[in-house]
Amino acid sequence: MQTIAIQALDLLPPVEVTFNDYARAVLRNLAIANPTDPNNYHEMIADIFVHREIMTAEERTDLLVRAPLYDRMPGTITHDPELTGSSRAAAYRYLDDNRDKLFIPDHVDIIVDEVFTSEKMVGPGLFQPKQIILQYLWREDLALVGTQFGSFNGKTTSLLCGATMVFDVNGSLLYWARKPGSEPFATASVAMEKVKQAKNSLAPRRQP
């Protein structure tokens, strides 16, 4: 229960959390904690999520496809992962230096909501490698234009955006759950790349 249901909470995005986000986090955490899956929990749990209409059959198929378990932390300016996870100030420097690869607009203020190190068990006396959980936020001003907004047409509201990034002490990216905004990204090339990948912009790395 701890591995399947509780540990997955660390993988949720910091804003606009949905049941689908939780379903993806559960499957991803299982892939990290037990990649061989001898009891076939991944497929069984994915089937339940589909049955309860928390995810689609297409999403289930994509998430169960075999893919690399680890990936490199995004960014062209490298930071020591343990140092990044040691304080909000260090985490901010990593985020600010790599805005273009993290899809964070140039002009917004980044808020490091949480950064901490977690050591998770996979069984009695058995631990995973230490994980660093980094949650960050920013706000964007969003113009409401259109009759569908009624009396709010022409007004401006504040949109809260952000992400949760989970990586290990070696700098391997384990998970990245994003809730992007609508502002242009830091560079045109990254913006175009984001458009091409829009379908998968909120998806984790696919796992068996």
N, C-alpha and C. Protein backbone atom coordinates (compact mmCIF):
# COMPACT_ATOMS: atom_id res chain seq x y z
N MET A 1 0.83 -1.20 0.00
CA MET A 1 0.00 0.00 0.00
C MET A 1 0.87 1.26 0.00
N GLN A 2 1.94 1.24 0.79
CA GLN A 2 2.83 2.40 0.84
C GLN A 2 3.48 2.64 -0.50
N THR A 3 4.00 1.58 -1.13
CA THR A 3 4.68 1.73 -2.41
C THR A 3 3.73 2.15 -3.51
N ILE A 4 2.55 1.54 -3.53
CA ILE A 4 1.61 1.78 -4.63
C ILE A 4 0.88 3.11 -4.47
N ALA A 5 0.34 3.38 -3.29
CA ALA A 5 -0.57 4.51 -3.12
C ALA A 5 0.06 5.74 -2.50
N ILE A 6 0.93 5.56 -1.50
CA ILE A 6 1.43 6.70 -0.74
C ILE A 6 2.64 7.35 -1.41
N GLN A 7 3.61 6.54 -1.83
CA GLN A 7 4.82 7.11 -2.43
C GLN A 7 4.51 7.91 -3.70
N ALA A 8 3.45 7.55 -4.40
CA ALA A 8 3.09 8.24 -5.64
C ALA A 8 2.70 9.69 -5.40
N LEU A 9 2.34 10.05 -4.17
CA LEU A 9 1.93 11.43 -3.89
C LEU A 9 3.06 12.41 -4.15
N ASP A 10 4.31 11.98 -3.98
CA ASP A 10 5.46 12.85 -4.24
C ASP A 10 5.58 13.21 -5.72
N LEU A 11 4.95 12.44 -6.59
CA LEU A 11 5.09 12.64 -8.03
C LEU A 11 3.99 13.51 -8.63
N LEU A 12 3.09 14.01 -7.81
CA LEU A 12 1.99 14.81 -8.33
C LEU A 12 2.45 16.23 -8.65
N PRO A 13 1.88 16.84 -9.67
CA PRO A 13 2.21 18.25 -9.95
C PRO A 13 1.72 19.13 -8.80
N PRO A 14 2.29 20.32 -8.63
CA PRO A 14 1.93 21.17 -7.50
C PRO A 14 0.62 21.93 -7.66
N VAL A 15 0.06 21.95 -8.87
CA VAL A 15 -1.19 22.67 -9.13
C VAL A 15 -2.09 21.83 -10.03
N GLU A 16 -3.39 22.10 -9.96
CA GLU A 16 -4.37 21.50 -10.86
C GLU A 16 -4.26 19.97 -10.91
N VAL A 17 -4.17 19.34 -9.77
CA VAL A 17 -4.01 17.88 -9.72
C VAL A 17 -5.33 17.20 -10.08
N THR A 18 -5.24 16.19 -10.94
CA THR A 18 -6.41 15.42 -11.35
C THR A 18 -6.22 13.95 -10.99
N PHE A 19 -7.30 13.18 -11.06
CA PHE A 19 -7.19 11.74 -10.84
C PHE A 19 -6.27 11.10 -11.87
N ASN A 20 -6.29 11.64 -13.09
CA ASN A 20 -5.41 11.13 -14.13
C ASN A 20 -3.94 11.35 -13.77
N ASP A 21 -3.64 12.51 -13.19
CA ASP A 21 -2.28 12.77 -12.71
C ASP A 21 -1.87 11.73 -11.68
N TYR A 22 -2.79 11.42 -10.77
CA TYR A 22 -2.48 10.44 -9.73
C TYR A 22 -2.28 9.05 -10.34
N ALA A 23 -3.10 8.68 -11.30
CA ALA A 23 -2.95 7.38 -11.95
C ALA A 23 -1.58 7.25 -12.61
N ARG A 24 -1.15 8.30 -13.31
CA ARG A 24 0.16 8.29 -13.95
C ARG A 24 1.28 8.20 -12.90
N ALA A 25 1.09 8.93 -11.80
CA ALA A 25 2.10 8.89 -10.74
C ALA A 25 2.22 7.51 -10.13
N VAL A 26 1.09 6.84 -9.93
CA VAL A 26 1.11 5.48 -9.37
C VAL A 26 1.88 4.54 -10.28
N LEU A 27 1.58 4.57 -11.57
CA LEU A 27 2.24 3.67 -12.51
C LEU A 27 3.73 3.98 -12.64
N ARG A 28 4.06 5.26 -12.62
CA ARG A 28 5.48 5.63 -12.73
C ARG A 28 6.24 5.22 -11.47
N ASN A 29 5.66 5.45 -10.30
CA ASN A 29 6.34 5.08 -9.07
C ASN A 29 6.55 3.57 -9.00
N LEU A 30 5.59 2.81 -9.47
CA LEU A 30 5.75 1.35 -9.51
C LEU A 30 6.89 0.94 -10.43
N ALA A 31 7.00 1.64 -11.55
CA ALA A 31 8.07 1.32 -12.50
C ALA A 31 9.44 1.61 -11.88
N ILE A 32 9.54 2.67 -11.08
CA ILE A 32 10.80 3.02 -10.44
C ILE A 32 11.12 2.03 -9.32
N ALA A 33 10.10 1.73 -8.50
CA ALA A 33 10.32 0.89 -7.32
C ALA A 33 10.48 -0.58 -7.68
N ASN A 34 9.80 -1.04 -8.72
CA ASN A 34 9.80 -2.46 -9.05
C ASN A 34 9.73 -2.64 -10.56
N PRO A 35 10.81 -2.32 -11.27
CA PRO A 35 10.77 -2.33 -12.74
C PRO A 35 10.51 -3.70 -13.36
N THR A 36 10.87 -4.78 -12.69
CA THR A 36 10.64 -6.11 -13.26
C THR A 36 9.19 -6.54 -13.12
N ASP A 37 8.50 -6.05 -12.12
CA ASP A 37 7.06 -6.28 -11.92
C ASP A 37 6.69 -7.77 -12.03
N PRO A 38 7.24 -8.64 -11.18
CA PRO A 38 6.96 -10.07 -11.30
C PRO A 38 5.50 -10.44 -11.06
N ASN A 39 4.77 -9.62 -10.32
CA ASN A 39 3.36 -9.91 -10.04
C ASN A 39 2.40 -9.23 -11.00
N ASN A 40 2.96 -8.55 -12.01
CA ASN A 40 2.16 -7.90 -13.06
C ASN A 40 1.20 -6.86 -12.49
N TYR A 41 1.66 -6.11 -11.49
CA TYR A 41 0.83 -5.07 -10.89
C TYR A 41 0.57 -3.92 -11.87
N HIS A 42 1.57 -3.59 -12.69
CA HIS A 42 1.40 -2.46 -13.61
C HIS A 42 0.16 -2.62 -14.49
N GLU A 43 0.09 -3.76 -15.14
CA GLU A 43 -1.02 -3.99 -16.07
C GLU A 43 -2.35 -4.08 -15.32
N MET A 44 -2.36 -4.75 -14.18
CA MET A 44 -3.58 -4.91 -13.41
C MET A 44 -4.12 -3.54 -12.95
N ILE A 45 -3.24 -2.69 -12.40
CA ILE A 45 -3.67 -1.39 -11.91
C ILE A 45 -4.08 -0.49 -13.06
N ALA A 46 -3.34 -0.54 -14.18
CA ALA A 46 -3.71 0.25 -15.35
C ALA A 46 -5.09 -0.13 -15.86
N ASP A 47 -5.40 -1.43 -15.86
CA ASP A 47 -6.73 -1.88 -16.28
C ASP A 47 -7.82 -1.32 -15.39
N ILE A 48 -7.55 -1.24 -14.10
CA ILE A 48 -8.54 -0.70 -13.16
C ILE A 48 -8.76 0.79 -13.43
N PHE A 49 -7.68 1.52 -13.68
CA PHE A 49 -7.82 2.94 -13.99
C PHE A 49 -8.65 3.15 -15.25
N VAL A 50 -8.47 2.30 -16.26
CA VAL A 50 -9.26 2.41 -17.49
C VAL A 50 -10.71 2.07 -17.19
N HIS A 51 -10.94 0.99 -16.43
CA HIS A 51 -12.31 0.57 -16.10
C HIS A 51 -13.07 1.68 -15.37
N ARG A 52 -12.36 2.41 -14.51
CA ARG A 52 -12.99 3.50 -13.75
C ARG A 52 -12.93 4.84 -14.47
N GLU A 53 -12.51 4.81 -15.74
CA GLU A 53 -12.49 5.99 -16.61
C GLU A 53 -11.59 7.09 -16.06
N ILE A 54 -10.53 6.71 -15.36
CA ILE A 54 -9.54 7.66 -14.88
C ILE A 54 -8.50 7.92 -15.96
N MET A 55 -8.25 6.92 -16.80
CA MET A 55 -7.41 7.11 -17.98
C MET A 55 -8.03 6.35 -19.14
N THR A 56 -7.61 6.72 -20.35
CA THR A 56 -8.16 6.07 -21.54
C THR A 56 -7.38 4.81 -21.87
N ALA A 57 -7.98 3.97 -22.70
CA ALA A 57 -7.29 2.76 -23.15
C ALA A 57 -6.02 3.11 -23.92
N GLU A 58 -6.06 4.22 -24.68
CA GLU A 58 -4.87 4.65 -25.43
C GLU A 58 -3.75 5.05 -24.47
N GLU A 59 -4.10 5.79 -23.41
CA GLU A 59 -3.11 6.16 -22.42
C GLU A 59 -2.52 4.94 -21.75
N ARG A 60 -3.36 3.97 -21.44
CA ARG A 60 -2.88 2.73 -20.82
C ARG A 60 -1.85 2.06 -21.71
N THR A 61 -2.15 1.95 -23.00
CA THR A 61 -1.22 1.31 -23.93
C THR A 61 0.10 2.05 -23.97
N ASP A 62 0.05 3.38 -24.04
CA ASP A 62 1.27 4.18 -24.11
C ASP A 62 2.10 4.03 -22.84
N LEU A 63 1.46 4.03 -21.68
CA LEU A 63 2.18 3.99 -20.42
C LEU A 63 2.77 2.62 -20.11
N LEU A 64 2.28 1.58 -20.77
CA LEU A 64 2.80 0.24 -20.53
C LEU A 64 3.86 -0.17 -21.55
N VAL A 65 4.11 0.69 -22.53
CA VAL A 65 5.17 0.40 -23.50
C VAL A 65 6.52 0.50 -22.81
N ARG A 66 7.42 -0.44 -23.10
CA ARG A 66 8.75 -0.42 -22.49
C ARG A 66 9.52 0.81 -22.96
N ALA A 67 10.21 1.45 -22.02
CA ALA A 67 11.00 2.65 -22.31
C ALA A 67 12.10 2.74 -21.27
N PRO A 68 13.13 3.55 -21.52
CA PRO A 68 14.20 3.68 -20.53
C PRO A 68 13.66 4.15 -19.18
N LEU A 69 14.21 3.61 -18.11
CA LEU A 69 13.76 3.97 -16.78
C LEU A 69 14.30 5.33 -16.36
N TYR A 70 15.51 5.67 -16.82
CA TYR A 70 16.15 6.91 -16.40
C TYR A 70 16.37 7.83 -17.59
N ASP A 71 16.44 9.11 -17.30
CA ASP A 71 16.73 10.11 -18.31
C ASP A 71 17.59 11.19 -17.66
N ARG A 72 18.21 12.02 -18.47
CA ARG A 72 19.05 13.09 -17.95
C ARG A 72 18.19 14.26 -17.50
N MET A 73 18.58 14.92 -16.41
CA MET A 73 17.88 16.12 -15.98
C MET A 73 17.91 17.15 -17.09
N PRO A 74 16.78 17.81 -17.38
CA PRO A 74 16.76 18.79 -18.47
C PRO A 74 17.59 20.02 -18.14
N GLY A 75 18.18 20.58 -19.19
CA GLY A 75 18.95 21.81 -19.01
C GLY A 75 20.31 21.73 -19.66
N THR A 76 20.77 22.86 -20.17
CA THR A 76 22.09 22.92 -20.80
C THR A 76 23.16 23.37 -19.81
N ILE A 77 22.74 24.01 -18.72
CA ILE A 77 23.68 24.42 -17.67
C ILE A 77 23.57 23.42 -16.52
N THR A 78 24.61 22.64 -16.34
CA THR A 78 24.58 21.55 -15.38
C THR A 78 24.77 22.06 -13.96
N HIS A 79 23.97 21.51 -13.05
CA HIS A 79 24.10 21.80 -11.62
C HIS A 79 24.23 20.48 -10.88
N ASP A 80 24.98 20.50 -9.79
CA ASP A 80 25.11 19.31 -8.96
C ASP A 80 23.74 18.95 -8.38
N PRO A 81 23.24 17.73 -8.64
CA PRO A 81 21.88 17.39 -8.20
C PRO A 81 21.71 17.41 -6.68
N GLU A 82 22.71 16.95 -5.94
CA GLU A 82 22.59 16.99 -4.49
C GLU A 82 22.57 18.42 -3.98
N LEU A 83 23.38 19.29 -4.59
CA LEU A 83 23.38 20.69 -4.20
C LEU A 83 22.05 21.34 -4.57
N THR A 84 21.52 21.00 -5.73
CA THR A 84 20.22 21.54 -6.15
C THR A 84 19.14 21.18 -5.14
N GLY A 85 19.22 19.98 -4.60
CA GLY A 85 18.21 19.53 -3.64
C GLY A 85 18.46 19.96 -2.22
N SER A 86 19.53 20.72 -1.99
CA SER A 86 19.90 21.05 -0.62
C SER A 86 19.19 22.29 -0.08
N SER A 87 18.70 23.17 -0.96
CA SER A 87 18.06 24.39 -0.49
C SER A 87 17.21 24.98 -1.60
N ARG A 88 16.29 25.85 -1.22
CA ARG A 88 15.46 26.55 -2.20
C ARG A 88 16.31 27.45 -3.08
N ALA A 89 17.34 28.08 -2.50
CA ALA A 89 18.20 28.97 -3.27
C ALA A 89 18.94 28.22 -4.36
N ALA A 90 19.48 27.05 -4.02
CA ALA A 90 20.21 26.25 -5.01
C ALA A 90 19.26 25.74 -6.08
N ALA A 91 18.06 25.33 -5.68
CA ALA A 91 17.07 24.86 -6.65
C ALA A 91 16.66 25.99 -7.59
N TYR A 92 16.51 27.19 -7.05
CA TYR A 92 16.15 28.35 -7.89
C TYR A 92 17.21 28.62 -8.94
N ARG A 93 18.47 28.52 -8.55
CA ARG A 93 19.55 28.78 -9.52
C ARG A 93 19.49 27.80 -10.67
N TYR A 94 19.22 26.53 -10.38
CA TYR A 94 19.09 25.53 -11.46
C TYR A 94 17.92 25.87 -12.38
N LEU A 95 16.78 26.20 -11.80
CA LEU A 95 15.60 26.52 -12.60
C LEU A 95 15.82 27.78 -13.44
N ASP A 96 16.39 28.81 -12.84
CA ASP A 96 16.58 30.07 -13.53
C ASP A 96 17.60 29.94 -14.67
N ASP A 97 18.63 29.12 -14.46
CA ASP A 97 19.66 28.93 -15.50
C ASP A 97 19.15 28.13 -16.69
N ASN A 98 18.07 27.38 -16.50
CA ASN A 98 17.61 26.46 -17.55
C ASN A 98 16.15 26.70 -17.93
N ARG A 99 15.73 27.96 -17.88
CA ARG A 99 14.33 28.28 -18.19
C ARG A 99 13.89 27.75 -19.55
N ASP A 100 14.77 27.88 -20.56
CA ASP A 100 14.37 27.49 -21.91
C ASP A 100 14.05 26.01 -22.01
N LYS A 101 14.84 25.17 -21.33
CA LYS A 101 14.61 23.73 -21.39
C LYS A 101 13.51 23.27 -20.44
N LEU A 102 13.14 24.14 -19.50
CA LEU A 102 12.10 23.81 -18.54
C LEU A 102 10.76 24.44 -18.90
N PHE A 103 10.72 25.15 -20.04
CA PHE A 103 9.50 25.78 -20.54
C PHE A 103 8.97 26.84 -19.58
N ILE A 104 9.88 27.57 -18.94
CA ILE A 104 9.50 28.65 -18.03
C ILE A 104 9.75 29.98 -18.74
N PRO A 105 8.74 30.83 -18.88
CA PRO A 105 8.95 32.12 -19.57
C PRO A 105 10.03 32.96 -18.89
N ASP A 106 10.70 33.78 -19.70
CA ASP A 106 11.81 34.59 -19.19
C ASP A 106 11.41 35.56 -18.10
N HIS A 107 10.22 36.15 -18.23
CA HIS A 107 9.88 37.30 -17.40
C HIS A 107 9.18 36.96 -16.09
N VAL A 108 8.84 35.69 -15.85
CA VAL A 108 8.06 35.36 -14.66
C VAL A 108 8.98 35.09 -13.47
N ASP A 109 8.44 35.30 -12.28
CA ASP A 109 9.16 34.97 -11.05
C ASP A 109 8.92 33.51 -10.70
N ILE A 110 9.99 32.77 -10.49
CA ILE A 110 9.89 31.36 -10.14
C ILE A 110 9.79 31.23 -8.62
N ILE A 111 8.83 30.45 -8.18
CA ILE A 111 8.66 30.16 -6.75
C ILE A 111 9.04 28.71 -6.51
N VAL A 112 10.06 28.47 -5.72
CA VAL A 112 10.40 27.09 -5.33
C VAL A 112 9.49 26.73 -4.17
N ASP A 113 8.46 25.95 -4.47
CA ASP A 113 7.45 25.62 -3.46
C ASP A 113 8.01 24.64 -2.43
N GLU A 114 8.67 23.58 -2.92
CA GLU A 114 9.27 22.59 -2.03
C GLU A 114 10.48 21.97 -2.69
N VAL A 115 11.48 21.63 -1.91
CA VAL A 115 12.58 20.81 -2.38
C VAL A 115 13.07 20.00 -1.18
N PHE A 116 13.08 18.68 -1.33
CA PHE A 116 13.48 17.82 -0.22
C PHE A 116 13.98 16.49 -0.77
N THR A 117 14.67 15.77 0.10
CA THR A 117 15.22 14.46 -0.25
C THR A 117 14.39 13.38 0.42
N SER A 118 14.09 12.34 -0.32
CA SER A 118 13.26 11.25 0.18
C SER A 118 13.99 9.91 0.00
N GLU A 119 13.90 9.07 1.00
CA GLU A 119 14.44 7.72 0.92
C GLU A 119 13.28 6.75 1.11
N LYS A 120 12.91 6.08 0.05
CA LYS A 120 11.68 5.28 0.04
C LYS A 120 12.01 3.79 0.12
N MET A 121 11.19 3.10 0.88
CA MET A 121 11.36 1.66 1.05
C MET A 121 10.63 0.91 -0.07
N VAL A 122 11.15 -0.24 -0.41
CA VAL A 122 10.49 -1.14 -1.35
C VAL A 122 10.19 -2.48 -0.70
N GLY A 123 10.55 -2.61 0.55
CA GLY A 123 10.32 -3.85 1.29
C GLY A 123 11.02 -3.75 2.63
N PRO A 124 10.84 -4.74 3.50
CA PRO A 124 11.48 -4.71 4.82
C PRO A 124 13.00 -4.59 4.71
N GLY A 125 13.53 -3.47 5.16
CA GLY A 125 14.97 -3.25 5.13
C GLY A 125 15.54 -2.94 3.76
N LEU A 126 14.69 -2.75 2.76
CA LEU A 126 15.14 -2.46 1.39
C LEU A 126 14.73 -1.04 1.00
N PHE A 127 15.71 -0.27 0.51
CA PHE A 127 15.46 1.13 0.17
C PHE A 127 15.85 1.41 -1.27
N GLN A 128 15.10 2.31 -1.89
CA GLN A 128 15.49 2.83 -3.20
C GLN A 128 16.63 3.83 -3.01
N PRO A 129 17.37 4.12 -4.09
CA PRO A 129 18.31 5.24 -4.02
C PRO A 129 17.57 6.53 -3.65
N LYS A 130 18.25 7.42 -2.96
CA LYS A 130 17.62 8.65 -2.52
C LYS A 130 17.08 9.46 -3.70
N GLN A 131 15.89 10.00 -3.51
CA GLN A 131 15.26 10.83 -4.54
C GLN A 131 15.18 12.27 -4.05
N ILE A 132 15.31 13.21 -4.99
CA ILE A 132 15.14 14.63 -4.69
C ILE A 132 13.86 15.09 -5.39
N ILE A 133 12.95 15.65 -4.62
CA ILE A 133 11.67 16.12 -5.16
C ILE A 133 11.70 17.64 -5.18
N LEU A 134 11.52 18.20 -6.35
CA LEU A 134 11.54 19.65 -6.54
C LEU A 134 10.22 20.09 -7.15
N GLN A 135 9.50 20.94 -6.42
CA GLN A 135 8.25 21.51 -6.92
C GLN A 135 8.42 23.02 -7.09
N TYR A 136 8.05 23.52 -8.26
CA TYR A 136 8.21 24.95 -8.52
C TYR A 136 6.97 25.50 -9.22
N LEU A 137 6.74 26.80 -9.03
CA LEU A 137 5.54 27.47 -9.52
C LEU A 137 5.89 28.79 -10.17
N TRP A 138 4.97 29.28 -10.97
CA TRP A 138 5.02 30.67 -11.42
C TRP A 138 3.61 31.10 -11.81
N ARG A 139 3.41 32.40 -11.89
CA ARG A 139 2.10 32.94 -12.25
C ARG A 139 2.17 33.64 -13.60
N GLU A 140 1.10 33.50 -14.36
CA GLU A 140 0.98 34.20 -15.63
C GLU A 140 -0.33 34.98 -15.64
N ASP A 141 -0.30 36.18 -16.19
CA ASP A 141 -1.51 36.97 -16.38
C ASP A 141 -2.20 36.51 -17.65
N LEU A 142 -3.44 36.08 -17.51
CA LEU A 142 -4.19 35.53 -18.64
C LEU A 142 -5.37 36.43 -18.95
N ALA A 143 -5.44 36.94 -20.18
CA ALA A 143 -6.54 37.80 -20.61
C ALA A 143 -7.75 36.95 -20.99
N LEU A 144 -8.90 37.29 -20.47
CA LEU A 144 -10.14 36.59 -20.78
C LEU A 144 -10.84 37.34 -21.90
N VAL A 145 -10.79 36.78 -23.08
CA VAL A 145 -11.35 37.45 -24.26
C VAL A 145 -12.39 36.54 -24.89
N GLY A 146 -13.61 36.99 -24.97
CA GLY A 146 -14.66 36.19 -25.58
C GLY A 146 -15.96 36.28 -24.79
N THR A 147 -17.07 36.12 -25.49
CA THR A 147 -18.37 36.22 -24.83
C THR A 147 -18.61 35.08 -23.85
N GLN A 148 -17.86 33.97 -24.00
CA GLN A 148 -18.06 32.85 -23.09
C GLN A 148 -17.70 33.19 -21.65
N PHE A 149 -16.94 34.31 -21.47
CA PHE A 149 -16.56 34.71 -20.12
C PHE A 149 -17.56 35.66 -19.48
N GLY A 150 -18.63 35.98 -20.21
CA GLY A 150 -19.69 36.80 -19.65
C GLY A 150 -19.18 38.15 -19.18
N SER A 151 -19.52 38.50 -17.92
CA SER A 151 -19.14 39.81 -17.38
C SER A 151 -17.63 39.95 -17.18
N PHE A 152 -16.92 38.83 -17.28
CA PHE A 152 -15.46 38.86 -17.10
C PHE A 152 -14.73 39.07 -18.43
N ASN A 153 -15.46 39.19 -19.53
CA ASN A 153 -14.84 39.42 -20.83
C ASN A 153 -14.00 40.70 -20.79
N GLY A 154 -12.74 40.58 -21.21
CA GLY A 154 -11.84 41.72 -21.18
C GLY A 154 -11.06 41.89 -19.90
N LYS A 155 -11.38 41.06 -18.91
CA LYS A 155 -10.65 41.12 -17.65
C LYS A 155 -9.39 40.25 -17.72
N THR A 156 -8.57 40.38 -16.71
CA THR A 156 -7.34 39.59 -16.62
C THR A 156 -7.36 38.77 -15.34
N THR A 157 -6.96 37.53 -15.44
CA THR A 157 -6.87 36.67 -14.26
C THR A 157 -5.45 36.12 -14.13
N SER A 158 -5.15 35.58 -12.98
CA SER A 158 -3.83 35.02 -12.72
C SER A 158 -3.88 33.51 -12.85
N LEU A 159 -3.01 32.96 -13.69
CA LEU A 159 -2.95 31.52 -13.93
C LEU A 159 -1.73 30.96 -13.21
N LEU A 160 -1.98 29.98 -12.34
CA LEU A 160 -0.88 29.36 -11.60
C LEU A 160 -0.37 28.16 -12.38
N CYS A 161 0.93 28.16 -12.67
CA CYS A 161 1.57 27.10 -13.46
C CYS A 161 2.68 26.48 -12.62
N GLY A 162 3.18 25.34 -13.05
CA GLY A 162 4.29 24.75 -12.30
C GLY A 162 4.54 23.30 -12.66
N ALA A 163 5.43 22.68 -11.90
CA ALA A 163 5.82 21.31 -12.18
C ALA A 163 6.44 20.67 -10.95
N THR A 164 6.45 19.36 -10.98
CA THR A 164 7.18 18.55 -10.00
C THR A 164 8.23 17.74 -10.74
N MET A 165 9.47 17.87 -10.31
CA MET A 165 10.57 17.13 -10.91
C MET A 165 11.16 16.21 -9.85
N VAL A 166 11.33 14.94 -10.20
CA VAL A 166 11.91 13.96 -9.30
C VAL A 166 13.17 13.40 -9.95
N PHE A 167 14.30 13.51 -9.26
CA PHE A 167 15.55 13.00 -9.80
C PHE A 167 16.37 12.39 -8.67
N ASP A 168 17.37 11.58 -9.05
CA ASP A 168 18.19 10.95 -8.01
C ASP A 168 19.48 11.74 -7.83
N VAL A 169 20.29 11.30 -6.89
CA VAL A 169 21.50 12.05 -6.53
C VAL A 169 22.54 12.02 -7.65
N ASN A 170 22.36 11.15 -8.64
CA ASN A 170 23.27 11.10 -9.78
C ASN A 170 22.82 11.99 -10.93
N GLY A 171 21.69 12.66 -10.76
CA GLY A 171 21.19 13.54 -11.81
C GLY A 171 20.32 12.86 -12.83
N SER A 172 19.84 11.66 -12.54
CA SER A 172 18.93 10.96 -13.44
C SER A 172 17.50 11.41 -13.19
N LEU A 173 16.83 11.90 -14.21
CA LEU A 173 15.46 12.34 -14.09
C LEU A 173 14.54 11.12 -14.02
N LEU A 174 13.78 11.03 -12.95
CA LEU A 174 12.87 9.91 -12.75
C LEU A 174 11.45 10.24 -13.17
N TYR A 175 11.06 11.50 -13.01
CA TYR A 175 9.68 11.89 -13.34
C TYR A 175 9.61 13.40 -13.45
N TRP A 176 8.71 13.88 -14.30
CA TRP A 176 8.53 15.31 -14.48
C TRP A 176 7.08 15.56 -14.86
N ALA A 177 6.29 16.00 -13.89
CA ALA A 177 4.87 16.28 -14.11
C ALA A 177 4.68 17.77 -14.25
N ARG A 178 4.21 18.23 -15.42
CA ARG A 178 4.15 19.66 -15.72
C ARG A 178 2.72 20.14 -15.92
N LYS A 179 2.47 21.34 -15.46
CA LYS A 179 1.23 22.06 -15.73
C LYS A 179 1.63 23.40 -16.36
N PRO A 180 1.87 23.40 -17.67
CA PRO A 180 2.41 24.60 -18.32
C PRO A 180 1.35 25.67 -18.49
N GLY A 181 1.81 26.88 -18.72
CA GLY A 181 0.90 28.00 -18.95
C GLY A 181 0.75 28.29 -20.42
N SER A 182 0.44 29.54 -20.72
CA SER A 182 0.16 29.93 -22.10
C SER A 182 1.13 30.96 -22.64
N GLU A 183 2.04 31.43 -21.81
CA GLU A 183 2.99 32.45 -22.25
C GLU A 183 4.03 31.84 -23.20
N PRO A 184 4.63 32.67 -24.09
CA PRO A 184 5.71 32.17 -24.94
C PRO A 184 6.88 31.70 -24.09
N PHE A 185 7.58 30.68 -24.58
CA PHE A 185 8.72 30.16 -23.85
C PHE A 185 9.96 30.97 -24.14
N ALA A 186 11.06 30.61 -23.48
CA ALA A 186 12.24 31.46 -23.48
C ALA A 186 12.86 31.64 -24.86
N THR A 187 12.83 30.63 -25.72
CA THR A 187 13.41 30.76 -27.05
C THR A 187 12.44 30.21 -28.08
N ALA A 188 12.55 30.69 -29.29
CA ALA A 188 11.66 30.25 -30.35
C ALA A 188 11.84 28.77 -30.64
N SER A 189 13.08 28.28 -30.61
CA SER A 189 13.32 26.87 -30.92
C SER A 189 12.67 25.96 -29.91
N VAL A 190 12.74 26.35 -28.64
CA VAL A 190 12.10 25.55 -27.60
C VAL A 190 10.59 25.61 -27.74
N ALA A 191 10.07 26.78 -28.10
CA ALA A 191 8.63 26.91 -28.30
C ALA A 191 8.15 25.98 -29.40
N MET A 192 8.89 25.91 -30.50
CA MET A 192 8.51 25.02 -31.60
C MET A 192 8.59 23.57 -31.18
N GLU A 193 9.61 23.25 -30.41
CA GLU A 193 9.74 21.88 -29.92
C GLU A 193 8.55 21.54 -29.02
N LYS A 194 8.13 22.51 -28.21
CA LYS A 194 6.98 22.30 -27.32
C LYS A 194 5.71 22.06 -28.11
N VAL A 195 5.52 22.79 -29.21
CA VAL A 195 4.35 22.60 -30.04
C VAL A 195 4.32 21.18 -30.60
N LYS A 196 5.47 20.71 -31.07
CA LYS A 196 5.54 19.38 -31.65
C LYS A 196 5.25 18.30 -30.62
N GLN A 197 5.59 18.60 -29.35
CA GLN A 197 5.43 17.60 -28.30
C GLN A 197 4.21 17.88 -27.42
N ALA A 198 3.31 18.73 -27.89
CA ALA A 198 2.19 19.16 -27.06
C ALA A 198 1.33 17.98 -26.59
N LYS A 199 1.19 16.98 -27.45
CA LYS A 199 0.36 15.84 -27.09
C LYS A 199 0.88 15.13 -25.86
N ASN A 200 2.22 15.15 -25.68
CA ASN A 200 2.81 14.44 -24.56
C ASN A 200 3.37 15.37 -23.49
N SER A 201 2.94 16.61 -23.50
CA SER A 201 3.57 17.60 -22.61
C SER A 201 3.35 17.30 -21.14
N LEU A 202 2.28 16.59 -20.79
CA LEU A 202 2.02 16.26 -19.39
C LEU A 202 2.32 14.82 -19.06
N ALA A 203 2.79 14.06 -20.04
CA ALA A 203 2.98 12.63 -19.83
C ALA A 203 4.34 12.32 -19.25
N PRO A 204 4.43 11.32 -18.33
CA PRO A 204 5.74 10.87 -17.84
C PRO A 204 6.41 9.99 -18.86
N ARG A 205 7.62 9.63 -18.59
CA ARG A 205 8.30 8.65 -19.44
C ARG A 205 7.52 7.35 -19.40
N ARG A 206 7.32 6.74 -20.56
CA ARG A 206 6.53 5.52 -20.62
C ARG A 206 7.32 4.36 -20.05
N GLN A 207 6.63 3.54 -19.28
CA GLN A 207 7.29 2.45 -18.60
C GLN A 207 6.54 1.14 -18.81
N PRO A 208 7.25 0.00 -18.63
CA PRO A 208 6.55 -1.30 -18.72
C PRO A 208 5.62 -1.47 -17.55
